[in-house]
Amino acid sequence: MNFGNIYCKTTALGNIKSCKPEFMSWQEYTVFLLESIQIYNEDLMLHYYRKIKKFMIWHRNKYGVAFENIPETAESKLENQKKVISWRRIARAVEKNDFYLRKLSFAQTKNDDRELMKLIHKWDNLLNESTRTDDKSLQKIIKEKCK
């Protein structure tokens, strides 16, 4: 019970709320997360980069939000409803290891599944029963792989 009392408001026991470092902006934090992923798996970082770039281009074309005008944060309610773009929303999607980037309104595609299978085969030792993810599709693939 003491462990739960100490760690109940951290990501160790759930998905409550995470914090970026105070000295970084959300944009810097997003770049930091992508660079951190690149250290271990450049293919995964490039996957996120391509999807985020698509997300930004879509917002530019649909709403006229230029890359340099993406706000650090937006109203939390609108971010949660996936109605606005913000660096916080992008960072949270990467932070959650959201392979399909559903938090950025992407859907699971056959192309993404093929890319995921390539990553699984290439980095076989990184995806196993102990891999933590909230993504049910990814959990299903990992379970099938580990049988």
N, C-alpha and C. Protein backbone atom coordinates (compact mmCIF):
# COMPACT_ATOMS: atom_id res chain seq x y z
N MET A 1 0.81 -1.18 0.00
CA MET A 1 0.00 0.00 0.00
C MET A 1 0.86 1.25 0.00
N ASN A 2 2.01 1.19 0.68
CA ASN A 2 2.88 2.34 0.72
C ASN A 2 3.39 2.69 -0.68
N PHE A 3 3.74 1.68 -1.47
CA PHE A 3 4.18 1.91 -2.86
C PHE A 3 3.10 2.65 -3.63
N GLY A 4 1.86 2.18 -3.51
CA GLY A 4 0.74 2.83 -4.18
C GLY A 4 0.54 4.25 -3.72
N ASN A 5 0.71 4.48 -2.44
CA ASN A 5 0.56 5.83 -1.88
C ASN A 5 1.63 6.77 -2.44
N ILE A 6 2.84 6.27 -2.55
CA ILE A 6 3.94 7.11 -3.04
C ILE A 6 3.81 7.38 -4.53
N TYR A 7 3.50 6.35 -5.30
CA TYR A 7 3.56 6.45 -6.77
C TYR A 7 2.21 6.59 -7.46
N CYS A 8 1.13 6.79 -6.73
CA CYS A 8 -0.20 6.80 -7.35
C CYS A 8 -0.40 7.95 -8.34
N LYS A 9 0.30 9.04 -8.19
CA LYS A 9 0.13 10.17 -9.11
C LYS A 9 1.26 10.26 -10.13
N THR A 10 1.92 9.15 -10.39
CA THR A 10 2.96 9.12 -11.42
C THR A 10 2.53 8.17 -12.51
N THR A 11 3.28 8.15 -13.60
CA THR A 11 2.96 7.24 -14.69
C THR A 11 3.38 5.80 -14.37
N ALA A 12 4.03 5.59 -13.22
CA ALA A 12 4.43 4.23 -12.84
C ALA A 12 3.21 3.34 -12.61
N LEU A 13 2.12 3.92 -12.13
CA LEU A 13 0.93 3.14 -11.82
C LEU A 13 -0.27 3.50 -12.70
N GLY A 14 -0.07 4.27 -13.69
CA GLY A 14 -1.22 4.61 -14.52
C GLY A 14 -0.92 5.75 -15.46
N ASN A 15 -1.97 6.21 -16.06
CA ASN A 15 -1.87 7.24 -17.07
C ASN A 15 -2.52 8.51 -16.55
N ILE A 16 -2.03 9.07 -15.49
CA ILE A 16 -2.68 10.24 -14.92
C ILE A 16 -2.28 11.49 -15.69
N LYS A 17 -1.10 11.97 -15.48
CA LYS A 17 -0.64 13.17 -16.16
C LYS A 17 0.88 13.20 -16.09
N SER A 18 1.48 13.45 -17.21
CA SER A 18 2.92 13.56 -17.22
C SER A 18 3.29 15.02 -17.42
N CYS A 19 4.52 15.33 -17.13
CA CYS A 19 4.98 16.71 -17.23
C CYS A 19 6.24 16.78 -18.06
N LYS A 20 6.32 17.83 -18.83
CA LYS A 20 7.56 18.09 -19.57
C LYS A 20 8.50 18.84 -18.64
N PRO A 21 9.79 18.85 -18.93
CA PRO A 21 10.71 19.65 -18.12
C PRO A 21 10.35 21.14 -18.20
N GLU A 22 10.46 21.83 -17.10
CA GLU A 22 10.08 23.25 -17.02
C GLU A 22 10.85 24.13 -18.00
N PHE A 23 12.10 23.78 -18.26
CA PHE A 23 12.95 24.63 -19.08
C PHE A 23 12.74 24.43 -20.58
N MET A 24 11.84 23.53 -20.97
CA MET A 24 11.58 23.25 -22.38
C MET A 24 10.19 23.73 -22.78
N SER A 25 10.08 24.13 -24.03
CA SER A 25 8.75 24.39 -24.59
C SER A 25 8.19 23.05 -25.04
N TRP A 26 6.91 23.00 -25.39
CA TRP A 26 6.32 21.75 -25.88
C TRP A 26 6.95 21.34 -27.21
N GLN A 27 7.30 22.31 -28.03
CA GLN A 27 7.95 22.00 -29.30
C GLN A 27 9.33 21.37 -29.04
N GLU A 28 10.09 21.96 -28.14
CA GLU A 28 11.41 21.41 -27.80
C GLU A 28 11.26 20.02 -27.19
N TYR A 29 10.24 19.83 -26.37
CA TYR A 29 10.01 18.53 -25.75
C TYR A 29 9.66 17.47 -26.80
N THR A 30 8.87 17.85 -27.80
CA THR A 30 8.53 16.93 -28.89
C THR A 30 9.80 16.50 -29.63
N VAL A 31 10.63 17.48 -29.96
CA VAL A 31 11.89 17.17 -30.65
C VAL A 31 12.78 16.30 -29.77
N PHE A 32 12.83 16.60 -28.48
CA PHE A 32 13.62 15.79 -27.54
C PHE A 32 13.13 14.33 -27.53
N LEU A 33 11.81 14.14 -27.49
CA LEU A 33 11.26 12.78 -27.49
C LEU A 33 11.64 12.04 -28.77
N LEU A 34 11.51 12.72 -29.91
CA LEU A 34 11.85 12.09 -31.18
C LEU A 34 13.34 11.75 -31.25
N GLU A 35 14.19 12.66 -30.77
CA GLU A 35 15.63 12.38 -30.76
C GLU A 35 15.96 11.24 -29.81
N SER A 36 15.25 11.15 -28.71
CA SER A 36 15.47 10.04 -27.76
C SER A 36 15.10 8.71 -28.39
N ILE A 37 14.01 8.69 -29.13
CA ILE A 37 13.61 7.46 -29.83
C ILE A 37 14.65 7.09 -30.87
N GLN A 38 15.18 8.10 -31.55
CA GLN A 38 16.15 7.85 -32.61
C GLN A 38 17.41 7.16 -32.10
N ILE A 39 17.78 7.41 -30.86
CA ILE A 39 18.97 6.78 -30.28
C ILE A 39 18.83 5.26 -30.34
N TYR A 40 17.62 4.76 -30.09
CA TYR A 40 17.40 3.31 -30.04
C TYR A 40 16.82 2.74 -31.33
N ASN A 41 16.03 3.54 -32.03
CA ASN A 41 15.34 2.99 -33.19
C ASN A 41 15.01 4.11 -34.17
N GLU A 42 15.90 4.33 -35.12
CA GLU A 42 15.71 5.40 -36.09
C GLU A 42 14.49 5.17 -36.97
N ASP A 43 14.19 3.93 -37.28
CA ASP A 43 13.02 3.62 -38.11
C ASP A 43 11.73 4.08 -37.44
N LEU A 44 11.62 3.85 -36.15
CA LEU A 44 10.42 4.27 -35.41
C LEU A 44 10.33 5.79 -35.36
N MET A 45 11.47 6.45 -35.14
CA MET A 45 11.48 7.91 -35.12
C MET A 45 11.03 8.45 -36.48
N LEU A 46 11.51 7.87 -37.57
CA LEU A 46 11.12 8.32 -38.91
C LEU A 46 9.63 8.09 -39.16
N HIS A 47 9.09 6.99 -38.62
CA HIS A 47 7.66 6.73 -38.73
C HIS A 47 6.87 7.85 -38.08
N TYR A 48 7.23 8.21 -36.84
CA TYR A 48 6.56 9.30 -36.13
C TYR A 48 6.74 10.62 -36.89
N TYR A 49 7.94 10.86 -37.37
CA TYR A 49 8.22 12.11 -38.08
C TYR A 49 7.31 12.26 -39.31
N ARG A 50 7.20 11.20 -40.10
CA ARG A 50 6.36 11.25 -41.31
C ARG A 50 4.89 11.52 -40.95
N LYS A 51 4.40 10.84 -39.92
CA LYS A 51 3.00 11.02 -39.53
C LYS A 51 2.75 12.43 -38.98
N ILE A 52 3.68 12.94 -38.18
CA ILE A 52 3.53 14.28 -37.63
C ILE A 52 3.58 15.31 -38.75
N LYS A 53 4.47 15.10 -39.70
CA LYS A 53 4.56 16.01 -40.84
C LYS A 53 3.25 16.03 -41.62
N LYS A 54 2.66 14.86 -41.84
CA LYS A 54 1.36 14.76 -42.52
C LYS A 54 0.29 15.51 -41.74
N PHE A 55 0.31 15.35 -40.43
CA PHE A 55 -0.64 16.02 -39.54
C PHE A 55 -0.52 17.54 -39.68
N MET A 56 0.70 18.04 -39.70
CA MET A 56 0.93 19.48 -39.81
C MET A 56 0.50 20.00 -41.18
N ILE A 57 0.81 19.26 -42.23
CA ILE A 57 0.42 19.66 -43.58
C ILE A 57 -1.10 19.70 -43.70
N TRP A 58 -1.78 18.71 -43.12
CA TRP A 58 -3.24 18.68 -43.17
C TRP A 58 -3.82 19.92 -42.48
N HIS A 59 -3.29 20.26 -41.31
CA HIS A 59 -3.78 21.44 -40.59
C HIS A 59 -3.47 22.73 -41.36
N ARG A 60 -2.33 22.76 -42.03
CA ARG A 60 -2.00 23.95 -42.83
C ARG A 60 -2.99 24.10 -43.99
N ASN A 61 -3.26 22.99 -44.68
CA ASN A 61 -4.17 23.03 -45.83
C ASN A 61 -5.62 23.27 -45.43
N LYS A 62 -6.05 22.65 -44.34
CA LYS A 62 -7.45 22.74 -43.92
C LYS A 62 -7.76 24.03 -43.16
N TYR A 63 -6.85 24.43 -42.24
CA TYR A 63 -7.13 25.55 -41.36
C TYR A 63 -6.17 26.74 -41.54
N GLY A 64 -5.17 26.59 -42.39
CA GLY A 64 -4.22 27.67 -42.61
C GLY A 64 -3.24 27.90 -41.48
N VAL A 65 -3.00 26.87 -40.66
CA VAL A 65 -2.05 26.99 -39.55
C VAL A 65 -0.66 26.62 -40.06
N ALA A 66 0.17 27.64 -40.23
CA ALA A 66 1.54 27.42 -40.70
C ALA A 66 2.36 26.77 -39.59
N PHE A 67 3.40 26.07 -39.99
CA PHE A 67 4.26 25.36 -39.04
C PHE A 67 4.72 26.28 -37.92
N GLU A 68 5.19 27.47 -38.29
CA GLU A 68 5.73 28.39 -37.28
C GLU A 68 4.65 28.99 -36.38
N ASN A 69 3.38 28.80 -36.73
CA ASN A 69 2.28 29.35 -35.93
C ASN A 69 1.55 28.30 -35.10
N ILE A 70 2.08 27.08 -35.05
CA ILE A 70 1.45 26.05 -34.22
C ILE A 70 1.62 26.46 -32.76
N PRO A 71 0.51 26.56 -32.03
CA PRO A 71 0.62 27.00 -30.63
C PRO A 71 1.24 25.93 -29.74
N GLU A 72 1.87 26.37 -28.67
CA GLU A 72 2.43 25.44 -27.69
C GLU A 72 1.32 24.60 -27.07
N THR A 73 0.26 25.26 -26.64
CA THR A 73 -0.88 24.57 -26.05
C THR A 73 -2.16 25.20 -26.60
N ALA A 74 -3.22 24.49 -26.43
CA ALA A 74 -4.55 25.01 -26.75
C ALA A 74 -5.44 24.63 -25.58
N GLU A 75 -6.67 25.01 -25.66
CA GLU A 75 -7.61 24.64 -24.60
C GLU A 75 -7.64 23.12 -24.49
N SER A 76 -7.44 22.60 -23.29
CA SER A 76 -7.36 21.14 -23.07
C SER A 76 -8.58 20.41 -23.61
N LYS A 77 -9.74 20.99 -23.41
CA LYS A 77 -10.97 20.34 -23.88
C LYS A 77 -10.94 20.15 -25.39
N LEU A 78 -10.50 21.16 -26.13
CA LEU A 78 -10.42 21.07 -27.59
C LEU A 78 -9.33 20.09 -28.02
N GLU A 79 -8.21 20.08 -27.30
CA GLU A 79 -7.15 19.11 -27.60
C GLU A 79 -7.66 17.69 -27.41
N ASN A 80 -8.37 17.44 -26.31
CA ASN A 80 -8.89 16.10 -26.03
C ASN A 80 -9.94 15.67 -27.05
N GLN A 81 -10.66 16.64 -27.59
CA GLN A 81 -11.66 16.34 -28.63
C GLN A 81 -11.03 16.27 -30.02
N LYS A 82 -9.72 16.46 -30.09
CA LYS A 82 -8.96 16.38 -31.35
C LYS A 82 -9.41 17.43 -32.35
N LYS A 83 -9.74 18.62 -31.86
CA LYS A 83 -10.24 19.68 -32.73
C LYS A 83 -9.20 20.74 -33.06
N VAL A 84 -8.09 20.77 -32.34
CA VAL A 84 -7.07 21.79 -32.58
C VAL A 84 -5.69 21.14 -32.62
N ILE A 85 -4.76 21.84 -33.23
CA ILE A 85 -3.37 21.39 -33.27
C ILE A 85 -2.61 22.14 -32.17
N SER A 86 -1.68 21.46 -31.53
CA SER A 86 -0.78 22.11 -30.58
C SER A 86 0.43 21.21 -30.38
N TRP A 87 1.52 21.81 -29.96
CA TRP A 87 2.72 21.03 -29.71
C TRP A 87 2.53 20.09 -28.52
N ARG A 88 1.70 20.49 -27.56
CA ARG A 88 1.44 19.61 -26.41
C ARG A 88 0.75 18.34 -26.89
N ARG A 89 -0.22 18.48 -27.78
CA ARG A 89 -0.95 17.32 -28.30
C ARG A 89 0.00 16.38 -29.04
N ILE A 90 0.90 16.94 -29.83
CA ILE A 90 1.86 16.13 -30.58
C ILE A 90 2.80 15.41 -29.62
N ALA A 91 3.32 16.15 -28.64
CA ALA A 91 4.25 15.56 -27.66
C ALA A 91 3.59 14.43 -26.89
N ARG A 92 2.35 14.63 -26.47
CA ARG A 92 1.65 13.59 -25.70
C ARG A 92 1.45 12.32 -26.52
N ALA A 93 1.19 12.47 -27.82
CA ALA A 93 1.02 11.29 -28.67
C ALA A 93 2.32 10.49 -28.75
N VAL A 94 3.45 11.18 -28.92
CA VAL A 94 4.75 10.50 -28.99
C VAL A 94 5.10 9.91 -27.62
N GLU A 95 4.83 10.67 -26.58
CA GLU A 95 5.13 10.25 -25.22
C GLU A 95 4.40 8.96 -24.86
N LYS A 96 3.19 8.79 -25.35
CA LYS A 96 2.39 7.60 -25.04
C LYS A 96 2.76 6.40 -25.91
N ASN A 97 3.76 6.57 -26.79
CA ASN A 97 4.16 5.50 -27.69
C ASN A 97 2.97 5.04 -28.54
N ASP A 98 2.24 6.02 -29.04
CA ASP A 98 1.04 5.80 -29.85
C ASP A 98 1.47 5.56 -31.29
N PHE A 99 1.80 4.32 -31.63
CA PHE A 99 2.37 3.99 -32.94
C PHE A 99 1.51 4.50 -34.09
N TYR A 100 0.21 4.32 -34.00
CA TYR A 100 -0.69 4.74 -35.07
C TYR A 100 -1.03 6.24 -34.98
N LEU A 101 -0.59 6.89 -33.93
CA LEU A 101 -0.87 8.30 -33.67
C LEU A 101 -2.36 8.61 -33.71
N ARG A 102 -3.12 7.77 -33.04
CA ARG A 102 -4.57 7.97 -32.94
C ARG A 102 -4.89 9.27 -32.21
N LYS A 103 -4.01 9.68 -31.30
CA LYS A 103 -4.23 10.94 -30.58
C LYS A 103 -4.15 12.14 -31.51
N LEU A 104 -3.60 11.93 -32.70
CA LEU A 104 -3.55 13.00 -33.70
C LEU A 104 -4.57 12.75 -34.80
N SER A 105 -5.55 11.91 -34.52
CA SER A 105 -6.68 11.63 -35.43
C SER A 105 -6.34 10.72 -36.60
N PHE A 106 -5.25 9.97 -36.51
CA PHE A 106 -4.94 9.00 -37.55
C PHE A 106 -5.66 7.69 -37.24
N ALA A 107 -5.92 6.93 -38.28
CA ALA A 107 -6.52 5.61 -38.12
C ALA A 107 -5.45 4.55 -38.41
N GLN A 108 -5.71 3.36 -37.94
CA GLN A 108 -4.81 2.25 -38.23
C GLN A 108 -4.99 1.88 -39.69
N THR A 109 -3.88 1.82 -40.43
CA THR A 109 -3.94 1.49 -41.86
C THR A 109 -3.15 0.22 -42.14
N LYS A 110 -3.40 -0.38 -43.28
CA LYS A 110 -2.64 -1.57 -43.67
C LYS A 110 -1.17 -1.22 -43.86
N ASN A 111 -0.91 -0.03 -44.36
CA ASN A 111 0.46 0.44 -44.53
C ASN A 111 1.17 0.51 -43.18
N ASP A 112 0.49 1.06 -42.18
CA ASP A 112 1.06 1.12 -40.84
C ASP A 112 1.30 -0.27 -40.27
N ASP A 113 0.36 -1.18 -40.52
CA ASP A 113 0.53 -2.56 -40.04
C ASP A 113 1.75 -3.21 -40.67
N ARG A 114 1.94 -2.99 -41.98
CA ARG A 114 3.12 -3.54 -42.65
C ARG A 114 4.40 -2.94 -42.07
N GLU A 115 4.37 -1.64 -41.85
CA GLU A 115 5.54 -0.96 -41.28
C GLU A 115 5.84 -1.49 -39.87
N LEU A 116 4.78 -1.69 -39.10
CA LEU A 116 4.94 -2.23 -37.75
C LEU A 116 5.54 -3.64 -37.80
N MET A 117 5.06 -4.47 -38.70
CA MET A 117 5.59 -5.84 -38.80
C MET A 117 7.07 -5.82 -39.20
N LYS A 118 7.45 -4.91 -40.09
CA LYS A 118 8.87 -4.78 -40.44
C LYS A 118 9.70 -4.39 -39.22
N LEU A 119 9.16 -3.45 -38.44
CA LEU A 119 9.88 -3.03 -37.23
C LEU A 119 9.98 -4.17 -36.23
N ILE A 120 8.90 -4.92 -36.09
CA ILE A 120 8.90 -6.05 -35.15
C ILE A 120 9.96 -7.07 -35.55
N HIS A 121 10.03 -7.37 -36.83
CA HIS A 121 11.02 -8.36 -37.28
C HIS A 121 12.44 -7.81 -37.17
N LYS A 122 12.62 -6.53 -37.49
CA LYS A 122 13.96 -5.95 -37.43
C LYS A 122 14.43 -5.77 -35.99
N TRP A 123 13.54 -5.37 -35.11
CA TRP A 123 13.89 -5.09 -33.73
C TRP A 123 13.21 -6.10 -32.80
N ASP A 124 13.29 -7.34 -33.15
CA ASP A 124 12.60 -8.43 -32.47
C ASP A 124 12.80 -8.41 -30.96
N ASN A 125 13.98 -8.06 -30.51
CA ASN A 125 14.27 -8.10 -29.08
C ASN A 125 13.63 -6.95 -28.30
N LEU A 126 13.11 -5.92 -28.98
CA LEU A 126 12.53 -4.78 -28.27
C LEU A 126 11.03 -4.92 -28.00
N LEU A 127 10.33 -5.70 -28.81
CA LEU A 127 8.90 -5.90 -28.60
C LEU A 127 8.68 -7.30 -28.07
N ASN A 128 8.27 -7.38 -26.81
CA ASN A 128 8.01 -8.68 -26.20
C ASN A 128 6.89 -8.52 -25.19
N GLU A 129 6.66 -9.54 -24.39
CA GLU A 129 5.55 -9.52 -23.43
C GLU A 129 5.62 -8.35 -22.47
N SER A 130 6.82 -7.84 -22.20
CA SER A 130 6.96 -6.76 -21.22
C SER A 130 6.79 -5.37 -21.85
N THR A 131 6.57 -5.28 -23.14
CA THR A 131 6.38 -3.99 -23.79
C THR A 131 5.10 -3.35 -23.27
N ARG A 132 5.21 -2.10 -22.81
CA ARG A 132 4.06 -1.39 -22.26
C ARG A 132 3.48 -0.45 -23.31
N THR A 133 2.20 -0.62 -23.59
CA THR A 133 1.50 0.27 -24.50
C THR A 133 0.01 0.22 -24.19
N ASP A 134 -0.67 1.32 -24.43
CA ASP A 134 -2.12 1.39 -24.25
C ASP A 134 -2.85 0.99 -25.52
N ASP A 135 -2.12 0.88 -26.61
CA ASP A 135 -2.72 0.61 -27.91
C ASP A 135 -3.15 -0.86 -28.00
N LYS A 136 -4.45 -1.08 -28.06
CA LYS A 136 -4.98 -2.46 -28.07
C LYS A 136 -4.54 -3.23 -29.31
N SER A 137 -4.46 -2.57 -30.46
CA SER A 137 -4.03 -3.24 -31.69
C SER A 137 -2.58 -3.70 -31.57
N LEU A 138 -1.75 -2.84 -31.01
CA LEU A 138 -0.34 -3.19 -30.82
C LEU A 138 -0.21 -4.30 -29.79
N GLN A 139 -1.00 -4.27 -28.72
CA GLN A 139 -0.98 -5.35 -27.73
C GLN A 139 -1.33 -6.69 -28.37
N LYS A 140 -2.33 -6.68 -29.25
CA LYS A 140 -2.76 -7.90 -29.93
C LYS A 140 -1.64 -8.46 -30.81
N ILE A 141 -0.96 -7.58 -31.54
CA ILE A 141 0.15 -8.01 -32.41
C ILE A 141 1.27 -8.59 -31.57
N ILE A 142 1.59 -7.95 -30.45
CA ILE A 142 2.67 -8.44 -29.58
C ILE A 142 2.30 -9.81 -29.01
N LYS A 143 1.04 -9.99 -28.58
CA LYS A 143 0.62 -11.30 -28.05
C LYS A 143 0.75 -12.38 -29.10
N GLU A 144 0.32 -12.10 -30.33
CA GLU A 144 0.43 -13.07 -31.42
C GLU A 144 1.88 -13.40 -31.73
N LYS A 145 2.75 -12.39 -31.69
CA LYS A 145 4.16 -12.58 -31.97
C LYS A 145 4.82 -13.46 -30.91
N CYS A 146 4.39 -13.30 -29.66
CA CYS A 146 5.03 -13.99 -28.55
C CYS A 146 4.49 -15.40 -28.31
N LYS A 147 3.52 -15.85 -29.09
CA LYS A 147 2.97 -17.20 -28.89
C LYS A 147 3.95 -18.25 -29.33
